[in-house]
Amino acid sequence: AEWYQRVLGLQRQFEEPHHHSDQGGYAVVLGTPDMSLNIGLDHHPANSGEGFDPTRTGLDHVCFPVNNTDALAAWATHLDHHGVANSGVYPMEGTPFFLLTFTDPDGIQLELIAFAG
């Protein structure tokens, strides 16, 4: 949660216990002040410690749009400032889009995308 707050500027909204669960898990919900974007970071006590794996069925990555390639470049600088390894801005071959990719501390790939025009 701290990483998402520090690096992406999300604010802690609330913590919520998993409903109908006897395992005692919970989610920390982070988001923007206007609640137009929210994410839940879940803690599952039954997890035996295995990390995220994008090759398993389920989440592979999350992509967020930004206004333009200048915004992508600013994000690359911001990520560098916070010590977050990233791809740098690059064109998506065969499309009119540019990408910037990086991973969160759990290894989940995050992407920022902008239309080239």
C-alpha atoms as a PDB file:
ATOM      1  CA  ALA A   1       0.000   0.000   0.000  1.00  0.00           C
ATOM      2  CA  GLU A   2       2.804   2.404   0.895  1.00  0.00           C
ATOM      3  CA  TRP A   3       4.403   1.906  -2.534  1.00  0.00           C
ATOM      4  CA  TYR A   4       1.159   2.726  -4.359  1.00  0.00           C
ATOM      5  CA  GLN A   5       0.736   5.808  -2.191  1.00  0.00           C
ATOM      6  CA  ARG A   6       4.324   7.015  -2.662  1.00  0.00           C
ATOM      7  CA  VAL A   7       4.856   6.127  -6.320  1.00  0.00           C
ATOM      8  CA  LEU A   8       1.384   6.500  -7.847  1.00  0.00           C
ATOM      9  CA  GLY A   9       0.014   9.131  -5.467  1.00  0.00           C
ATOM     10  CA  LEU A  10      -3.021   7.093  -4.447  1.00  0.00           C
ATOM     11  CA  GLN A  11      -4.617   7.781  -1.085  1.00  0.00           C
ATOM     12  CA  ARG A  12      -5.616   5.212   1.494  1.00  0.00           C
ATOM     13  CA  GLN A  13      -9.426   5.160   1.444  1.00  0.00           C
ATOM     14  CA  PHE A  14     -10.261   2.400   3.931  1.00  0.00           C
ATOM     15  CA  GLU A  15      -9.504  -1.132   5.090  1.00  0.00           C
ATOM     16  CA  GLU A  16     -12.158  -3.798   4.714  1.00  0.00           C
ATOM     17  CA  PRO A  17     -12.330  -7.349   6.097  1.00  0.00           C
ATOM     18  CA  HIS A  18     -13.039 -10.142   3.645  1.00  0.00           C
ATOM     19  CA  HIS A  19     -16.723 -10.897   3.947  1.00  0.00           C
ATOM     20  CA  HIS A  20     -17.854 -14.468   4.453  1.00  0.00           C
ATOM     21  CA  SER A  21     -14.293 -15.593   5.145  1.00  0.00           C
ATOM     22  CA  ASP A  22     -13.154 -17.517   8.172  1.00  0.00           C
ATOM     23  CA  GLN A  23      -9.494 -16.920   7.221  1.00  0.00           C
ATOM     24  CA  GLY A  24      -9.386 -13.331   8.525  1.00  0.00           C
ATOM     25  CA  GLY A  25      -8.177 -11.666   5.344  1.00  0.00           C
ATOM     26  CA  TYR A  26      -8.661  -8.023   4.463  1.00  0.00           C
ATOM     27  CA  ALA A  27      -8.233  -5.497   1.672  1.00  0.00           C
ATOM     28  CA  VAL A  28      -6.578  -2.104   1.835  1.00  0.00           C
ATOM     29  CA  VAL A  29      -8.433   0.121  -0.627  1.00  0.00           C
ATOM     30  CA  LEU A  30      -6.478   2.941  -2.246  1.00  0.00           C
ATOM     31  CA  GLY A  31      -7.699   5.482  -4.745  1.00  0.00           C
ATOM     32  CA  THR A  32      -7.896   8.969  -6.101  1.00  0.00           C
ATOM     33  CA  PRO A  33      -9.574  11.703  -4.020  1.00  0.00           C
ATOM     34  CA  ASP A  34     -12.593  11.768  -6.368  1.00  0.00           C
ATOM     35  CA  MET A  35     -12.857   7.929  -6.195  1.00  0.00           C
ATOM     36  CA  SER A  36     -12.638   7.695 -10.003  1.00  0.00           C
ATOM     37  CA  LEU A  37      -9.986   4.986  -9.560  1.00  0.00           C
ATOM     38  CA  ASN A  38      -9.803   2.508  -6.701  1.00  0.00           C
ATOM     39  CA  ILE A  39      -7.711  -0.596  -6.184  1.00  0.00           C
ATOM     40  CA  GLY A  40      -7.893  -3.177  -3.453  1.00  0.00           C
ATOM     41  CA  LEU A  41      -4.710  -4.769  -2.167  1.00  0.00           C
ATOM     42  CA  ASP A  42      -5.723  -8.007  -0.514  1.00  0.00           C
ATOM     43  CA  HIS A  43      -4.066  -9.900   2.317  1.00  0.00           C
ATOM     44  CA  HIS A  44      -4.919 -13.601   2.422  1.00  0.00           C
ATOM     45  CA  PRO A  45      -3.602 -15.419   5.522  1.00  0.00           C
ATOM     46  CA  ALA A  46      -4.098 -18.753   3.717  1.00  0.00           C
ATOM     47  CA  ASN A  47      -1.449 -17.775   1.137  1.00  0.00           C
ATOM     48  CA  SER A  48       1.611 -19.936   1.739  1.00  0.00           C
ATOM     49  CA  GLY A  49       3.971 -17.212   0.571  1.00  0.00           C
ATOM     50  CA  GLU A  50       3.986 -17.774  -3.175  1.00  0.00           C
ATOM     51  CA  GLY A  51       4.388 -14.591  -5.184  1.00  0.00           C
ATOM     52  CA  PHE A  52       2.483 -13.207  -8.116  1.00  0.00           C
ATOM     53  CA  ASP A  53       2.920 -15.112 -11.380  1.00  0.00           C
ATOM     54  CA  PRO A  54       1.595 -13.559 -14.612  1.00  0.00           C
ATOM     55  CA  THR A  55       1.631 -16.991 -16.292  1.00  0.00           C
ATOM     56  CA  ARG A  56      -1.145 -18.331 -14.044  1.00  0.00           C
ATOM     57  CA  THR A  57      -4.750 -17.833 -15.058  1.00  0.00           C
ATOM     58  CA  GLY A  58      -5.930 -14.459 -13.761  1.00  0.00           C
ATOM     59  CA  LEU A  59      -4.362 -11.027 -13.725  1.00  0.00           C
ATOM     60  CA  ASP A  60      -1.490 -10.433 -16.137  1.00  0.00           C
ATOM     61  CA  HIS A  61      -1.116  -6.640 -15.997  1.00  0.00           C
ATOM     62  CA  VAL A  62      -3.016  -3.396 -15.548  1.00  0.00           C
ATOM     63  CA  CYS A  63      -2.831  -0.503 -18.010  1.00  0.00           C
ATOM     64  CA  PHE A  64      -3.724   3.137 -17.288  1.00  0.00           C
ATOM     65  CA  PRO A  65      -4.156   5.844 -19.943  1.00  0.00           C
ATOM     66  CA  VAL A  66      -2.343   9.176 -19.765  1.00  0.00           C
ATOM     67  CA  ASN A  67      -2.965  12.275 -21.878  1.00  0.00           C
ATOM     68  CA  ASN A  68       0.053  12.218 -24.201  1.00  0.00           C
ATOM     69  CA  THR A  69       3.654  11.117 -24.705  1.00  0.00           C
ATOM     70  CA  ASP A  70       4.913  14.132 -22.719  1.00  0.00           C
ATOM     71  CA  ALA A  71       2.970  12.758 -19.746  1.00  0.00           C
ATOM     72  CA  LEU A  72       4.587   9.354 -20.314  1.00  0.00           C
ATOM     73  CA  ALA A  73       8.034  10.966 -20.279  1.00  0.00           C
ATOM     74  CA  ALA A  74       7.165  12.804 -17.051  1.00  0.00           C
ATOM     75  CA  TRP A  75       6.062   9.502 -15.496  1.00  0.00           C
ATOM     76  CA  ALA A  76       9.350   7.866 -16.543  1.00  0.00           C
ATOM     77  CA  THR A  77      11.241  10.649 -14.759  1.00  0.00           C
ATOM     78  CA  HIS A  78       8.967  10.293 -11.711  1.00  0.00           C
ATOM     79  CA  LEU A  79       9.534   6.519 -11.566  1.00  0.00           C
ATOM     80  CA  ASP A  80      13.300   7.002 -11.912  1.00  0.00           C
ATOM     81  CA  HIS A  81      13.181   9.518  -9.038  1.00  0.00           C
ATOM     82  CA  HIS A  82      11.500   6.871  -6.853  1.00  0.00           C
ATOM     83  CA  GLY A  83      13.950   4.156  -7.893  1.00  0.00           C
ATOM     84  CA  VAL A  84      11.339   2.166  -9.818  1.00  0.00           C
ATOM     85  CA  ALA A  85      12.870   0.262 -12.734  1.00  0.00           C
ATOM     86  CA  ASN A  86      10.911   0.917 -15.920  1.00  0.00           C
ATOM     87  CA  SER A  87      11.001   0.352 -19.672  1.00  0.00           C
ATOM     88  CA  GLY A  88      11.255   3.989 -20.655  1.00  0.00           C
ATOM     89  CA  VAL A  89       8.777   5.274 -23.211  1.00  0.00           C
ATOM     90  CA  TYR A  90       8.580   3.139 -26.331  1.00  0.00           C
ATOM     91  CA  PRO A  91       6.208   2.742 -29.307  1.00  0.00           C
ATOM     92  CA  MET A  92       3.876  -0.260 -29.456  1.00  0.00           C
ATOM     93  CA  GLU A  93       4.844  -1.701 -32.814  1.00  0.00           C
ATOM     94  CA  GLY A  94       2.010  -1.669 -35.322  1.00  0.00           C
ATOM     95  CA  THR A  95      -0.227   0.603 -33.209  1.00  0.00           C
ATOM     96  CA  PRO A  96      -0.621   4.360 -32.689  1.00  0.00           C
ATOM     97  CA  PHE A  97       0.316   4.025 -28.990  1.00  0.00           C
ATOM     98  CA  PHE A  98       3.339   4.521 -26.758  1.00  0.00           C
ATOM     99  CA  LEU A  99       3.890   2.580 -23.528  1.00  0.00           C
ATOM    100  CA  LEU A 100       5.791   2.835 -20.272  1.00  0.00           C
ATOM    101  CA  THR A 101       5.940  -0.391 -18.241  1.00  0.00           C
ATOM    102  CA  PHE A 102       7.087  -1.170 -14.685  1.00  0.00           C
ATOM    103  CA  THR A 103       6.198  -3.548 -11.863  1.00  0.00           C
ATOM    104  CA  ASP A 104       4.912  -3.094  -8.344  1.00  0.00           C
ATOM    105  CA  PRO A 105       6.739  -4.693  -5.388  1.00  0.00           C
ATOM    106  CA  ASP A 106       4.741  -7.925  -5.883  1.00  0.00           C
ATOM    107  CA  GLY A 107       5.838  -8.205  -9.521  1.00  0.00           C
ATOM    108  CA  ILE A 108       2.526  -7.143 -11.072  1.00  0.00           C
ATOM    109  CA  GLN A 109       3.196  -5.362 -14.342  1.00  0.00           C
ATOM    110  CA  LEU A 110       1.714  -1.895 -14.626  1.00  0.00           C
ATOM    111  CA  GLU A 111       1.571   0.048 -17.876  1.00  0.00           C
ATOM    112  CA  LEU A 112       0.906   3.631 -18.795  1.00  0.00           C
ATOM    113  CA  ILE A 113      -0.276   4.189 -22.368  1.00  0.00           C
ATOM    114  CA  ALA A 114      -0.711   7.262 -24.560  1.00  0.00           C
ATOM    115  CA  PHE A 115      -1.992   7.815 -28.069  1.00  0.00           C
ATOM    116  CA  ALA A 116       0.870   8.908 -30.341  1.00  0.00           C
ATOM    117  CA  GLY A 117      -1.191  11.601 -32.064  1.00  0.00           C
END
